[in-house]
Amino acid sequence: MTAFLDVRDLRVQFPTDDGIVHAVDGLSFTLERGRTLGIVGESGSGKTVTGLSLLIAVGLTTTMSRTSPSPGRSMMSRPSRPST
């Protein structure tokens, strides 16, 4: 199978008044097309920073588009609830 996503040595650092925080330090993984990857870890272990970093990287290197499921309806909006 061909790798859909290949991450090698991902490092994310944040400068703070107390010095550099190494939020993600050397993460590597490969995700094959059609497979699912779960990222688990303790609170503060870098799961969210990893996901956001990948979204930013993909956004910088690709063009993304979406198609509405029906005319005039956005995939990004929730259906309205009926009033009671």
Protein backbone atom coordinates (compact mmCIF):
# COMPACT_ATOMS: atom_id res chain seq x y z
CA MET A 1 0.00 0.00 0.00
CA THR A 2 1.04 3.58 -0.63
CA ALA A 3 1.58 5.89 2.33
CA PHE A 4 -1.17 8.49 2.56
CA LEU A 5 0.68 10.45 5.25
CA ASP A 6 4.32 10.05 6.19
CA VAL A 7 5.48 12.09 9.18
CA ARG A 8 9.17 12.03 10.06
CA ASP A 9 10.72 13.70 13.09
CA LEU A 10 7.90 16.19 13.77
CA ARG A 11 9.06 18.82 16.25
CA VAL A 12 6.93 21.67 17.61
CA GLN A 13 8.35 24.22 20.02
CA PHE A 14 6.83 27.23 21.73
CA PRO A 15 8.91 30.10 23.11
CA THR A 16 7.86 31.21 26.60
CA ASP A 17 9.22 33.64 29.16
CA ASP A 18 10.74 30.63 30.96
CA GLY A 19 12.39 29.19 27.83
CA ILE A 20 11.46 26.86 24.98
CA VAL A 21 8.67 24.32 25.50
CA HIS A 22 9.17 21.18 23.39
CA ALA A 23 5.51 20.28 22.81
CA VAL A 24 6.29 17.55 20.25
CA ASP A 25 9.82 16.21 19.99
CA GLY A 26 10.70 13.79 17.20
CA LEU A 27 7.36 12.10 16.39
CA SER A 28 7.34 9.80 13.34
CA PHE A 29 4.58 7.64 11.86
CA THR A 30 3.14 6.46 8.55
CA LEU A 31 -0.55 6.28 7.75
CA GLU A 32 -1.58 4.04 4.88
CA ARG A 33 -4.47 5.04 2.61
CA GLY A 34 -7.75 3.61 3.92
CA ARG A 35 -6.39 2.99 7.42
CA THR A 36 -7.22 4.73 10.71
CA LEU A 37 -4.69 6.10 13.16
CA GLY A 38 -5.45 6.73 16.81
CA ILE A 39 -3.21 8.96 18.89
CA VAL A 40 -3.42 8.37 22.63
CA GLY A 41 -1.46 9.75 25.54
CA GLU A 42 -1.56 11.49 28.85
CA SER A 43 -2.90 15.00 29.26
CA GLY A 44 -0.36 17.47 27.94
CA SER A 45 1.53 14.87 25.91
CA GLY A 46 1.15 16.71 22.59
CA LYS A 47 -1.81 15.00 20.93
CA THR A 48 -3.66 18.20 20.05
CA VAL A 49 -0.48 20.04 19.04
CA THR A 50 0.38 17.12 16.74
CA GLY A 51 -3.03 17.21 15.05
CA LEU A 52 -3.05 20.99 14.67
CA SER A 53 0.51 20.96 13.30
CA LEU A 54 -0.49 18.44 10.65
CA LEU A 55 -3.56 20.48 9.69
CA ILE A 56 -1.43 23.60 9.31
CA ALA A 57 1.20 21.73 7.27
CA VAL A 58 -1.44 20.24 4.97
CA GLY A 59 -3.12 23.65 4.60
CA LEU A 60 0.17 25.23 3.53
CA THR A 61 0.96 22.62 0.89
CA THR A 62 -2.43 21.70 -0.62
CA THR A 63 -5.54 23.20 -2.08
CA MET A 64 -8.68 22.05 -0.33
CA SER A 65 -12.23 22.23 -1.57
CA ARG A 66 -15.58 20.95 -0.45
CA THR A 67 -18.90 20.28 -2.12
CA SER A 68 -22.21 20.95 -0.44
CA PRO A 69 -24.37 17.85 0.01
CA SER A 70 -27.37 19.73 -1.43
CA PRO A 71 -27.81 23.14 -3.04
CA GLY A 72 -27.58 25.94 -0.50
CA ARG A 73 -26.52 23.73 2.40
CA SER A 74 -23.02 23.91 3.84
CA MET A 75 -21.26 20.76 5.02
CA MET A 76 -19.76 22.85 7.80
CA SER A 77 -23.06 23.94 9.38
CA ARG A 78 -25.29 21.94 11.67
CA PRO A 79 -28.91 21.35 10.78
CA SER A 80 -31.18 23.67 12.70
CA ARG A 81 -33.21 22.21 15.52
CA PRO A 82 -36.98 22.42 15.29
CA SER A 83 -38.43 25.01 17.64
CA THR A 84 -40.49 23.66 20.50
